[in-house]
Each structure stands twice: as structure tokens, then as C-alpha cells.
Amino acid sequence: MLFKWVDYCEKYDDEIESWTSDDDTRRFATDNIKEDHEYWLSEYKYNEEYFCKIVLDENIIVAILLIMKNDEYPYEFHINPLVVNPKHRNKGYGTKIIFELINNISEITGFESNVFTADIFPNNKVSIKTFEKVGFILAGVHVSGDCAYWIYPASELENYRKRCVSHSSNYFIASSTL
């Protein structure tokens, strides 16, 4: 693996929270990573259903990502958000991190998976391009238009759409482009 993946802990707080002063981090990901992490800790079993990973390149913190294991479809992992360190954006880290996660999910989480999803704001062009490079495809959008749902691999598209429509028909609109 290219990166070292470690569990989120307080020793990373200051560095990671400094990222929230970045406009893109606040607009597309979060305004308080620690609060997000604490919320998910209260709702899900850490390192069983929910994972918060720090990604290190040598000793540099290049990203943090939250990953949820789908209870109903345990072979599926959901990535949201992935926040790349603002000082290290536009260097290919996002693409490399997603690619490494997909190809090494069992080493990173302890669980096998072959299906990944992500929610991305439709105006977050950088994230869309990053996920597309890895092979994610647009599955649908929220009826409000403020969230797009992405799936990997493409062969899971119809299964994912069927699940979304049957469970969430009031807000999921399948994408007509593919």
C-alpha cells in the first residue's frame, strides 16, 4: 500500500480541524470533523459499522475519511466525506486514496467488500472527477438536486438503484445518463 491508514484519534485534532477554515472543506464536506466523528460514534459501532481513517503519506496527514458499512448490505461500504488536506490538494491524493481503499478494504477495515457508494454535491466538480477516475458512476440524485449518489463498480448500478427506489422512493431519482 502507498499510504498508512490509522484510526482517528485526538492527536490529529488540531491539524485536521485547521482544514475546516478552508472554504471548500466547509462547503463540500464538513465544518467540524471531530463533531461529525463523535456523532457517528454515538450511532454506530466503531470499527465494525463505522470507520474514521486518517491517511498518512510518510508522516504527513493527507486526508481523513469516514466510511460506513451498510448493515443491510454488509458487502457495501459508503464513503462520505473524504477530505484531502487543503495544503496537498490537486496532487492526486484523492484518486490514489479511493483506489487504495477499494483494493485494500479488508486490510484497512478488517471486512471484505466489492461495492462502494458515495454522496457528492453536484457542484463539487473536483470530487466528481476524482471518483469518476476510479470508476464510480452516477446512480441518481436526490429529488432536491442537492446530492448525487455514486456507485462502484458499474456492474452494481441496477442493484443499487432497485434498493434505493424500493427503500427511498420519495427522494431518489435514478440518473438517466449512462
N, C-alpha and C. Protein backbone atom coordinates (compact mmCIF):
# COMPACT_ATOMS: atom_id res chain seq x y z
N MET A 1 0.84 -1.18 0.00
CA MET A 1 0.00 0.00 0.00
C MET A 1 0.89 1.25 0.00
N LEU A 2 0.39 2.28 -0.63
CA LEU A 2 1.12 3.55 -0.69
C LEU A 2 1.06 4.32 0.62
N PHE A 3 -0.07 4.20 1.32
CA PHE A 3 -0.33 5.03 2.49
C PHE A 3 -0.40 4.21 3.76
N LYS A 4 -0.26 4.91 4.87
CA LYS A 4 -0.51 4.32 6.18
C LYS A 4 -1.91 4.77 6.59
N TRP A 5 -2.75 3.83 6.97
CA TRP A 5 -4.12 4.10 7.38
C TRP A 5 -4.21 3.88 8.88
N VAL A 6 -4.63 4.91 9.62
CA VAL A 6 -4.75 4.80 11.07
C VAL A 6 -6.12 5.30 11.51
N ASP A 7 -6.55 4.82 12.65
CA ASP A 7 -7.81 5.28 13.21
C ASP A 7 -7.67 6.72 13.70
N TYR A 8 -8.73 7.47 13.52
CA TYR A 8 -8.79 8.84 14.03
C TYR A 8 -8.59 8.83 15.54
N CYS A 9 -7.79 9.76 16.04
CA CYS A 9 -7.65 9.94 17.48
C CYS A 9 -7.29 11.41 17.74
N GLU A 10 -7.34 11.79 18.99
CA GLU A 10 -7.19 13.20 19.36
C GLU A 10 -5.86 13.81 18.95
N LYS A 11 -4.82 13.02 18.81
CA LYS A 11 -3.52 13.62 18.46
C LYS A 11 -3.54 14.29 17.08
N TYR A 12 -4.54 13.96 16.26
CA TYR A 12 -4.67 14.57 14.93
C TYR A 12 -5.64 15.75 14.90
N ASP A 13 -6.32 16.02 16.02
CA ASP A 13 -7.39 17.02 16.05
C ASP A 13 -6.98 18.39 15.53
N ASP A 14 -5.90 18.95 16.06
CA ASP A 14 -5.54 20.32 15.69
C ASP A 14 -5.27 20.45 14.20
N GLU A 15 -4.51 19.53 13.66
CA GLU A 15 -4.19 19.58 12.22
C GLU A 15 -5.45 19.45 11.38
N ILE A 16 -6.27 18.47 11.69
CA ILE A 16 -7.46 18.22 10.88
C ILE A 16 -8.49 19.33 11.04
N GLU A 17 -8.69 19.81 12.24
CA GLU A 17 -9.66 20.89 12.43
C GLU A 17 -9.21 22.17 11.74
N SER A 18 -7.91 22.35 11.55
CA SER A 18 -7.45 23.54 10.83
C SER A 18 -7.92 23.53 9.38
N TRP A 19 -8.22 22.36 8.85
CA TRP A 19 -8.70 22.25 7.48
C TRP A 19 -10.08 22.87 7.31
N THR A 20 -10.85 22.95 8.39
CA THR A 20 -12.22 23.45 8.26
C THR A 20 -12.26 24.96 8.05
N SER A 21 -11.13 25.63 8.13
CA SER A 21 -11.12 27.05 7.77
C SER A 21 -11.08 27.23 6.25
N ASP A 22 -10.87 26.13 5.54
CA ASP A 22 -10.85 26.14 4.07
C ASP A 22 -12.29 26.17 3.55
N ASP A 23 -12.58 27.07 2.63
CA ASP A 23 -13.94 27.22 2.09
C ASP A 23 -14.47 25.93 1.47
N ASP A 24 -13.66 25.23 0.68
CA ASP A 24 -14.12 24.01 0.03
C ASP A 24 -14.43 22.91 1.04
N THR A 25 -13.64 22.81 2.10
CA THR A 25 -13.92 21.82 3.14
C THR A 25 -15.27 22.09 3.77
N ARG A 26 -15.52 23.34 4.13
CA ARG A 26 -16.81 23.69 4.75
C ARG A 26 -17.97 23.53 3.78
N ARG A 27 -17.79 23.89 2.53
CA ARG A 27 -18.87 23.85 1.55
C ARG A 27 -19.23 22.42 1.14
N PHE A 28 -18.22 21.57 0.99
CA PHE A 28 -18.47 20.24 0.41
C PHE A 28 -18.35 19.07 1.39
N ALA A 29 -17.77 19.29 2.57
CA ALA A 29 -17.55 18.15 3.46
C ALA A 29 -18.12 18.37 4.85
N THR A 30 -17.54 19.30 5.59
CA THR A 30 -17.95 19.49 6.98
C THR A 30 -17.36 20.77 7.52
N ASP A 31 -17.97 21.27 8.59
CA ASP A 31 -17.35 22.41 9.27
C ASP A 31 -16.77 22.00 10.62
N ASN A 32 -16.94 20.72 10.99
CA ASN A 32 -16.34 20.24 12.23
C ASN A 32 -16.19 18.72 12.17
N ILE A 33 -15.04 18.28 11.80
CA ILE A 33 -14.78 16.85 11.62
C ILE A 33 -14.93 16.10 12.93
N LYS A 34 -14.41 16.66 14.00
CA LYS A 34 -14.49 15.99 15.30
C LYS A 34 -15.94 15.77 15.72
N GLU A 35 -16.80 16.79 15.54
CA GLU A 35 -18.21 16.62 15.87
C GLU A 35 -18.87 15.56 15.01
N ASP A 36 -18.54 15.54 13.73
CA ASP A 36 -19.09 14.51 12.85
C ASP A 36 -18.70 13.12 13.35
N HIS A 37 -17.42 12.98 13.67
CA HIS A 37 -16.91 11.70 14.17
C HIS A 37 -17.64 11.29 15.45
N GLU A 38 -17.79 12.22 16.39
CA GLU A 38 -18.46 11.91 17.65
C GLU A 38 -19.93 11.53 17.44
N TYR A 39 -20.58 12.19 16.49
CA TYR A 39 -21.97 11.84 16.18
C TYR A 39 -22.06 10.39 15.70
N TRP A 40 -21.22 10.03 14.73
CA TRP A 40 -21.27 8.66 14.19
C TRP A 40 -20.88 7.63 15.24
N LEU A 41 -19.98 7.99 16.15
CA LEU A 41 -19.62 7.09 17.25
C LEU A 41 -20.82 6.79 18.14
N SER A 42 -21.70 7.78 18.30
CA SER A 42 -22.88 7.58 19.15
C SER A 42 -23.95 6.73 18.46
N GLU A 43 -23.87 6.62 17.15
CA GLU A 43 -24.89 5.90 16.39
C GLU A 43 -24.47 4.50 15.95
N TYR A 44 -23.18 4.28 15.77
CA TYR A 44 -22.69 3.03 15.19
C TYR A 44 -21.50 2.48 15.95
N LYS A 45 -21.28 1.18 15.82
CA LYS A 45 -20.14 0.54 16.46
C LYS A 45 -18.87 0.87 15.68
N TYR A 46 -17.92 1.48 16.39
CA TYR A 46 -16.68 1.90 15.77
C TYR A 46 -15.85 0.69 15.37
N ASN A 47 -15.33 0.76 14.17
CA ASN A 47 -14.51 -0.29 13.56
C ASN A 47 -15.27 -1.61 13.34
N GLU A 48 -16.61 -1.51 13.38
CA GLU A 48 -17.46 -2.62 12.96
C GLU A 48 -18.46 -2.15 11.91
N GLU A 49 -19.08 -1.00 12.17
CA GLU A 49 -20.06 -0.42 11.24
C GLU A 49 -19.61 0.93 10.70
N TYR A 50 -18.78 1.59 11.46
CA TYR A 50 -18.32 2.94 11.12
C TYR A 50 -16.80 3.00 11.32
N PHE A 51 -16.13 3.64 10.37
CA PHE A 51 -14.67 3.76 10.42
C PHE A 51 -14.31 5.21 10.12
N CYS A 52 -13.39 5.75 10.88
CA CYS A 52 -12.86 7.09 10.61
C CYS A 52 -11.36 6.92 10.47
N LYS A 53 -10.87 7.08 9.26
CA LYS A 53 -9.47 6.79 8.96
C LYS A 53 -8.69 8.05 8.59
N ILE A 54 -7.53 8.14 9.17
CA ILE A 54 -6.54 9.16 8.81
C ILE A 54 -5.61 8.51 7.81
N VAL A 55 -5.31 9.21 6.74
CA VAL A 55 -4.41 8.68 5.71
C VAL A 55 -3.11 9.48 5.76
N LEU A 56 -2.01 8.75 5.96
CA LEU A 56 -0.69 9.37 6.08
C LEU A 56 0.18 8.99 4.89
N ASP A 57 0.89 9.97 4.38
CA ASP A 57 1.92 9.74 3.37
C ASP A 57 3.22 10.13 4.07
N GLU A 58 4.01 9.10 4.42
CA GLU A 58 5.15 9.30 5.32
C GLU A 58 4.55 9.78 6.63
N ASN A 59 4.92 10.94 7.11
CA ASN A 59 4.35 11.47 8.36
C ASN A 59 3.39 12.62 8.12
N ILE A 60 3.00 12.83 6.87
CA ILE A 60 2.10 13.93 6.52
C ILE A 60 0.67 13.43 6.49
N ILE A 61 -0.21 14.13 7.20
CA ILE A 61 -1.64 13.79 7.15
C ILE A 61 -2.18 14.34 5.84
N VAL A 62 -2.55 13.45 4.93
CA VAL A 62 -3.03 13.91 3.62
C VAL A 62 -4.54 13.88 3.50
N ALA A 63 -5.21 13.10 4.36
CA ALA A 63 -6.67 13.04 4.25
C ALA A 63 -7.28 12.39 5.48
N ILE A 64 -8.57 12.59 5.59
CA ILE A 64 -9.39 11.88 6.56
C ILE A 64 -10.64 11.45 5.81
N LEU A 65 -11.14 10.26 6.11
CA LEU A 65 -12.39 9.85 5.51
C LEU A 65 -13.21 9.05 6.48
N LEU A 66 -14.52 9.21 6.35
CA LEU A 66 -15.48 8.45 7.13
C LEU A 66 -16.06 7.39 6.22
N ILE A 67 -16.14 6.18 6.74
CA ILE A 67 -16.60 5.04 5.96
C ILE A 67 -17.66 4.32 6.78
N MET A 68 -18.79 4.04 6.16
CA MET A 68 -19.86 3.30 6.82
C MET A 68 -20.05 1.96 6.13
N LYS A 69 -20.18 0.92 6.93
CA LYS A 69 -20.51 -0.39 6.38
C LYS A 69 -22.03 -0.50 6.40
N ASN A 70 -22.62 -0.83 5.28
CA ASN A 70 -24.07 -0.92 5.16
C ASN A 70 -24.56 -2.14 5.93
N ASP A 71 -25.42 -1.91 6.94
CA ASP A 71 -25.94 -3.02 7.75
C ASP A 71 -26.76 -4.01 6.93
N GLU A 72 -27.58 -3.46 6.04
CA GLU A 72 -28.48 -4.31 5.26
C GLU A 72 -27.74 -5.04 4.14
N TYR A 73 -26.73 -4.40 3.59
CA TYR A 73 -25.92 -4.99 2.53
C TYR A 73 -24.47 -4.94 2.99
N PRO A 74 -24.05 -5.89 3.85
CA PRO A 74 -22.75 -5.79 4.50
C PRO A 74 -21.56 -5.83 3.55
N TYR A 75 -21.80 -6.15 2.30
CA TYR A 75 -20.71 -6.14 1.34
C TYR A 75 -20.50 -4.75 0.75
N GLU A 76 -21.29 -3.78 1.18
CA GLU A 76 -21.23 -2.42 0.63
C GLU A 76 -20.68 -1.43 1.66
N PHE A 77 -19.75 -0.60 1.24
CA PHE A 77 -19.20 0.46 2.08
C PHE A 77 -19.54 1.81 1.46
N HIS A 78 -19.86 2.75 2.34
CA HIS A 78 -20.20 4.10 1.91
C HIS A 78 -19.10 5.06 2.36
N ILE A 79 -18.60 5.87 1.44
CA ILE A 79 -17.54 6.83 1.72
C ILE A 79 -18.16 8.23 1.75
N ASN A 80 -18.09 8.88 2.89
CA ASN A 80 -18.60 10.25 2.97
C ASN A 80 -18.33 10.84 4.35
N PRO A 81 -17.57 11.87 4.45
CA PRO A 81 -16.81 12.53 3.40
C PRO A 81 -15.39 12.00 3.29
N LEU A 82 -14.74 12.38 2.23
CA LEU A 82 -13.30 12.24 2.06
C LEU A 82 -12.78 13.67 2.00
N VAL A 83 -11.95 14.03 2.95
CA VAL A 83 -11.40 15.39 2.99
C VAL A 83 -9.89 15.30 2.81
N VAL A 84 -9.41 15.85 1.72
CA VAL A 84 -7.97 15.90 1.46
C VAL A 84 -7.44 17.20 2.08
N ASN A 85 -6.31 17.07 2.74
CA ASN A 85 -5.64 18.21 3.35
C ASN A 85 -5.54 19.35 2.32
N PRO A 86 -6.07 20.53 2.63
CA PRO A 86 -6.04 21.64 1.67
C PRO A 86 -4.64 21.97 1.16
N LYS A 87 -3.61 21.75 1.98
CA LYS A 87 -2.23 22.02 1.56
C LYS A 87 -1.74 21.03 0.51
N HIS A 88 -2.45 19.92 0.37
CA HIS A 88 -1.98 18.86 -0.52
C HIS A 88 -3.01 18.48 -1.59
N ARG A 89 -3.92 19.38 -1.88
CA ARG A 89 -4.91 19.12 -2.93
C ARG A 89 -4.28 19.29 -4.30
N ASN A 90 -4.94 18.72 -5.29
CA ASN A 90 -4.50 18.79 -6.69
C ASN A 90 -3.15 18.12 -6.92
N LYS A 91 -2.88 17.09 -6.11
CA LYS A 91 -1.66 16.31 -6.27
C LYS A 91 -1.99 14.84 -6.53
N GLY A 92 -3.27 14.53 -6.71
CA GLY A 92 -3.68 13.15 -6.99
C GLY A 92 -3.96 12.30 -5.77
N TYR A 93 -3.91 12.89 -4.59
CA TYR A 93 -4.14 12.10 -3.38
C TYR A 93 -5.54 11.49 -3.32
N GLY A 94 -6.57 12.27 -3.66
CA GLY A 94 -7.94 11.75 -3.58
C GLY A 94 -8.12 10.49 -4.39
N THR A 95 -7.67 10.52 -5.63
CA THR A 95 -7.79 9.36 -6.52
C THR A 95 -7.01 8.17 -5.97
N LYS A 96 -5.78 8.41 -5.54
CA LYS A 96 -4.95 7.31 -5.01
C LYS A 96 -5.56 6.72 -3.74
N ILE A 97 -6.12 7.57 -2.90
CA ILE A 97 -6.72 7.09 -1.65
C ILE A 97 -7.94 6.22 -1.92
N ILE A 98 -8.83 6.68 -2.80
CA ILE A 98 -10.02 5.89 -3.12
C ILE A 98 -9.62 4.57 -3.77
N PHE A 99 -8.70 4.62 -4.70
CA PHE A 99 -8.23 3.40 -5.36
C PHE A 99 -7.65 2.43 -4.33
N GLU A 100 -6.83 2.93 -3.43
CA GLU A 100 -6.22 2.06 -2.42
C GLU A 100 -7.27 1.50 -1.47
N LEU A 101 -8.25 2.31 -1.09
CA LEU A 101 -9.33 1.83 -0.23
C LEU A 101 -10.08 0.67 -0.88
N ILE A 102 -10.46 0.85 -2.14
CA ILE A 102 -11.20 -0.19 -2.85
C ILE A 102 -10.39 -1.48 -2.95
N ASN A 103 -9.13 -1.35 -3.24
CA ASN A 103 -8.30 -2.53 -3.45
C ASN A 103 -7.74 -3.15 -2.18
N ASN A 104 -7.88 -2.47 -1.05
CA ASN A 104 -7.33 -2.98 0.21
C ASN A 104 -8.31 -2.84 1.37
N ILE A 105 -9.60 -2.90 1.07
CA ILE A 105 -10.61 -2.66 2.10
C ILE A 105 -10.47 -3.62 3.27
N SER A 106 -10.14 -4.87 3.03
CA SER A 106 -10.04 -5.81 4.15
C SER A 106 -8.86 -5.48 5.07
N GLU A 107 -7.75 -5.00 4.50
CA GLU A 107 -6.62 -4.61 5.34
C GLU A 107 -6.92 -3.32 6.11
N ILE A 108 -7.70 -2.45 5.53
CA ILE A 108 -7.99 -1.15 6.14
C ILE A 108 -9.08 -1.25 7.19
N THR A 109 -10.12 -2.07 6.94
CA THR A 109 -11.26 -2.15 7.86
C THR A 109 -11.40 -3.50 8.56
N GLY A 110 -10.78 -4.52 7.99
CA GLY A 110 -10.97 -5.86 8.54
C GLY A 110 -12.17 -6.58 7.94
N PHE A 111 -12.83 -5.96 6.96
CA PHE A 111 -14.01 -6.54 6.32
C PHE A 111 -13.81 -6.58 4.82
N GLU A 112 -14.37 -7.59 4.19
CA GLU A 112 -14.33 -7.72 2.74
C GLU A 112 -15.44 -6.88 2.13
N SER A 113 -15.18 -6.37 0.94
CA SER A 113 -16.21 -5.65 0.20
C SER A 113 -15.82 -5.54 -1.26
N ASN A 114 -16.83 -5.46 -2.08
CA ASN A 114 -16.59 -5.23 -3.50
C ASN A 114 -17.51 -4.15 -4.07
N VAL A 115 -18.28 -3.50 -3.19
CA VAL A 115 -19.21 -2.46 -3.63
C VAL A 115 -19.02 -1.23 -2.74
N PHE A 116 -18.94 -0.06 -3.38
CA PHE A 116 -18.72 1.19 -2.67
C PHE A 116 -19.68 2.25 -3.20
N THR A 117 -20.15 3.09 -2.30
CA THR A 117 -21.02 4.19 -2.68
C THR A 117 -20.47 5.50 -2.11
N ALA A 118 -20.92 6.59 -2.65
CA ALA A 118 -20.54 7.92 -2.15
C ALA A 118 -21.64 8.91 -2.49
N ASP A 119 -21.84 9.88 -1.62
CA ASP A 119 -22.73 11.01 -1.88
C ASP A 119 -21.85 12.20 -2.17
N ILE A 120 -22.12 12.89 -3.26
CA ILE A 120 -21.30 14.04 -3.64
C ILE A 120 -22.22 15.18 -4.06
N PHE A 121 -21.92 16.38 -3.57
CA PHE A 121 -22.68 17.54 -4.03
C PHE A 121 -22.47 17.70 -5.54
N PRO A 122 -23.54 17.92 -6.30
CA PRO A 122 -23.40 18.04 -7.76
C PRO A 122 -22.47 19.16 -8.22
N ASN A 123 -22.27 20.18 -7.41
CA ASN A 123 -21.37 21.26 -7.80
C ASN A 123 -19.93 21.05 -7.32
N ASN A 124 -19.66 19.90 -6.73
CA ASN A 124 -18.30 19.57 -6.28
C ASN A 124 -17.58 18.85 -7.42
N LYS A 125 -17.20 19.62 -8.41
CA LYS A 125 -16.60 19.08 -9.64
C LYS A 125 -15.32 18.30 -9.38
N VAL A 126 -14.51 18.75 -8.42
CA VAL A 126 -13.25 18.06 -8.13
C VAL A 126 -13.52 16.65 -7.60
N SER A 127 -14.45 16.51 -6.66
CA SER A 127 -14.77 15.18 -6.13
C SER A 127 -15.38 14.28 -7.20
N ILE A 128 -16.26 14.84 -8.00
CA ILE A 128 -16.87 14.04 -9.06
C ILE A 128 -15.79 13.50 -9.99
N LYS A 129 -14.89 14.36 -10.42
CA LYS A 129 -13.81 13.93 -11.31
C LYS A 129 -12.94 12.86 -10.64
N THR A 130 -12.65 13.04 -9.36
CA THR A 130 -11.83 12.10 -8.62
C THR A 130 -12.48 10.73 -8.55
N PHE A 131 -13.75 10.68 -8.18
CA PHE A 131 -14.45 9.40 -8.07
C PHE A 131 -14.63 8.75 -9.44
N GLU A 132 -14.88 9.56 -10.47
CA GLU A 132 -15.01 9.01 -11.83
C GLU A 132 -13.70 8.37 -12.30
N LYS A 133 -12.56 8.97 -11.95
CA LYS A 133 -11.27 8.40 -12.35
C LYS A 133 -11.09 6.98 -11.82
N VAL A 134 -11.64 6.74 -10.65
CA VAL A 134 -11.51 5.42 -10.03
C VAL A 134 -12.51 4.43 -10.61
N GLY A 135 -13.59 4.94 -11.20
CA GLY A 135 -14.58 4.06 -11.81
C GLY A 135 -15.98 4.18 -11.25
N PHE A 136 -16.21 5.10 -10.33
CA PHE A 136 -17.56 5.33 -9.82
C PHE A 136 -18.42 5.91 -10.94
N ILE A 137 -19.70 5.55 -10.92
CA ILE A 137 -20.64 6.11 -11.89
C ILE A 137 -21.84 6.70 -11.16
N LEU A 138 -22.47 7.66 -11.79
CA LEU A 138 -23.63 8.31 -11.22
C LEU A 138 -24.81 7.34 -11.22
N ALA A 139 -25.40 7.15 -10.05
CA ALA A 139 -26.56 6.26 -9.94
C ALA A 139 -27.86 7.05 -9.92
N GLY A 140 -27.83 8.21 -9.30
CA GLY A 140 -29.04 9.00 -9.20
C GLY A 140 -28.80 10.26 -8.40
N VAL A 141 -29.86 11.01 -8.22
CA VAL A 141 -29.78 12.26 -7.47
C VAL A 141 -30.93 12.34 -6.48
N HIS A 142 -30.73 13.16 -5.47
CA HIS A 142 -31.80 13.45 -4.52
C HIS A 142 -32.83 14.30 -5.25
N VAL A 143 -34.08 14.15 -4.93
CA VAL A 143 -35.14 14.88 -5.60
C VAL A 143 -34.92 16.39 -5.51
N SER A 144 -34.25 16.85 -4.46
CA SER A 144 -33.96 18.28 -4.31
C SER A 144 -32.85 18.75 -5.25
N GLY A 145 -32.09 17.80 -5.78
CA GLY A 145 -30.98 18.12 -6.66
C GLY A 145 -29.70 18.50 -5.94
N ASP A 146 -29.71 18.46 -4.60
CA ASP A 146 -28.52 18.90 -3.87
C ASP A 146 -27.56 17.77 -3.50
N CYS A 147 -27.84 16.57 -3.93
CA CYS A 147 -26.95 15.45 -3.63
C CYS A 147 -27.02 14.43 -4.76
N ALA A 148 -25.85 13.96 -5.18
CA ALA A 148 -25.79 12.93 -6.21
C ALA A 148 -25.22 11.66 -5.58
N TYR A 149 -25.76 10.52 -5.99
CA TYR A 149 -25.37 9.23 -5.44
C TYR A 149 -24.52 8.49 -6.48
N TRP A 150 -23.37 8.00 -6.04
CA TRP A 150 -22.41 7.35 -6.92
C TRP A 150 -22.17 5.93 -6.46
N ILE A 151 -21.86 5.04 -7.40
CA ILE A 151 -21.67 3.61 -7.11
C ILE A 151 -20.44 3.08 -7.83
N TYR A 152 -19.80 2.13 -7.19
CA TYR A 152 -18.66 1.39 -7.77
C TYR A 152 -18.81 -0.06 -7.36
N PRO A 153 -18.65 -0.99 -8.25
CA PRO A 153 -18.39 -0.88 -9.68
C PRO A 153 -19.69 -0.66 -10.46
N ALA A 154 -19.54 -0.36 -11.73
CA ALA A 154 -20.69 -0.09 -12.59
C ALA A 154 -21.65 -1.27 -12.65
N SER A 155 -21.14 -2.48 -12.49
CA SER A 155 -21.98 -3.68 -12.57
C SER A 155 -23.01 -3.72 -11.43
N GLU A 156 -22.86 -2.91 -10.40
CA GLU A 156 -23.80 -2.87 -9.28
C GLU A 156 -24.88 -1.81 -9.44
N LEU A 157 -24.83 -1.07 -10.53
CA LEU A 157 -25.74 0.06 -10.71
C LEU A 157 -27.21 -0.32 -10.56
N GLU A 158 -27.66 -1.31 -11.28
CA GLU A 158 -29.09 -1.67 -11.24
C GLU A 158 -29.51 -2.19 -9.87
N ASN A 159 -28.67 -2.99 -9.22
CA ASN A 159 -28.98 -3.46 -7.86
C ASN A 159 -29.13 -2.28 -6.91
N TYR A 160 -28.21 -1.34 -7.01
CA TYR A 160 -28.23 -0.18 -6.13
C TYR A 160 -29.49 0.66 -6.39
N ARG A 161 -29.80 0.89 -7.65
CA ARG A 161 -31.00 1.68 -7.98
C ARG A 161 -32.26 1.02 -7.46
N LYS A 162 -32.37 -0.29 -7.63
CA LYS A 162 -33.56 -1.00 -7.15
C LYS A 162 -33.71 -0.85 -5.64
N ARG A 163 -32.61 -0.97 -4.91
CA ARG A 163 -32.65 -0.82 -3.45
C ARG A 163 -33.06 0.60 -3.08
N CYS A 164 -32.49 1.58 -3.74
CA CYS A 164 -32.80 2.98 -3.42
C CYS A 164 -34.25 3.32 -3.72
N VAL A 165 -34.73 2.88 -4.83
CA VAL A 165 -36.11 3.17 -5.21
C VAL A 165 -37.08 2.47 -4.26
N SER A 166 -36.80 1.21 -3.91
CA SER A 166 -37.73 0.49 -3.03
C SER A 166 -37.69 1.01 -1.60
N HIS A 167 -36.54 1.48 -1.13
CA HIS A 167 -36.43 1.96 0.24
C HIS A 167 -36.64 3.47 0.37
N SER A 168 -36.39 4.20 -0.68
CA SER A 168 -36.38 5.65 -0.58
C SER A 168 -37.04 6.32 -1.78
N SER A 169 -38.10 5.76 -2.25
CA SER A 169 -38.69 6.24 -3.49
C SER A 169 -39.10 7.70 -3.43
N ASN A 170 -39.25 8.24 -2.24
CA ASN A 170 -39.68 9.63 -2.13
C ASN A 170 -38.55 10.63 -2.36
N TYR A 171 -37.29 10.17 -2.41
CA TYR A 171 -36.22 11.13 -2.64
C TYR A 171 -35.17 10.73 -3.66
N PHE A 172 -35.17 9.50 -4.12
CA PHE A 172 -34.16 9.04 -5.07
C PHE A 172 -34.71 9.10 -6.49
N ILE A 173 -33.96 9.78 -7.37
CA ILE A 173 -34.30 9.82 -8.79
C ILE A 173 -33.14 9.18 -9.54
N ALA A 174 -33.41 8.10 -10.22
CA ALA A 174 -32.35 7.42 -10.96
C ALA A 174 -31.83 8.31 -12.09
N SER A 175 -30.54 8.30 -12.27
CA SER A 175 -29.94 9.08 -13.34
C SER A 175 -30.28 8.45 -14.67
N SER A 176 -30.59 9.27 -15.64
CA SER A 176 -30.93 8.75 -16.96
C SER A 176 -29.73 8.73 -17.89
N THR A 177 -28.60 9.20 -17.40
CA THR A 177 -27.40 9.22 -18.23
C THR A 177 -26.48 8.07 -17.84
N LEU A 178 -26.25 7.18 -18.72
CA LEU A 178 -25.27 6.11 -18.53
C LEU A 178 -25.24 5.29 -19.75
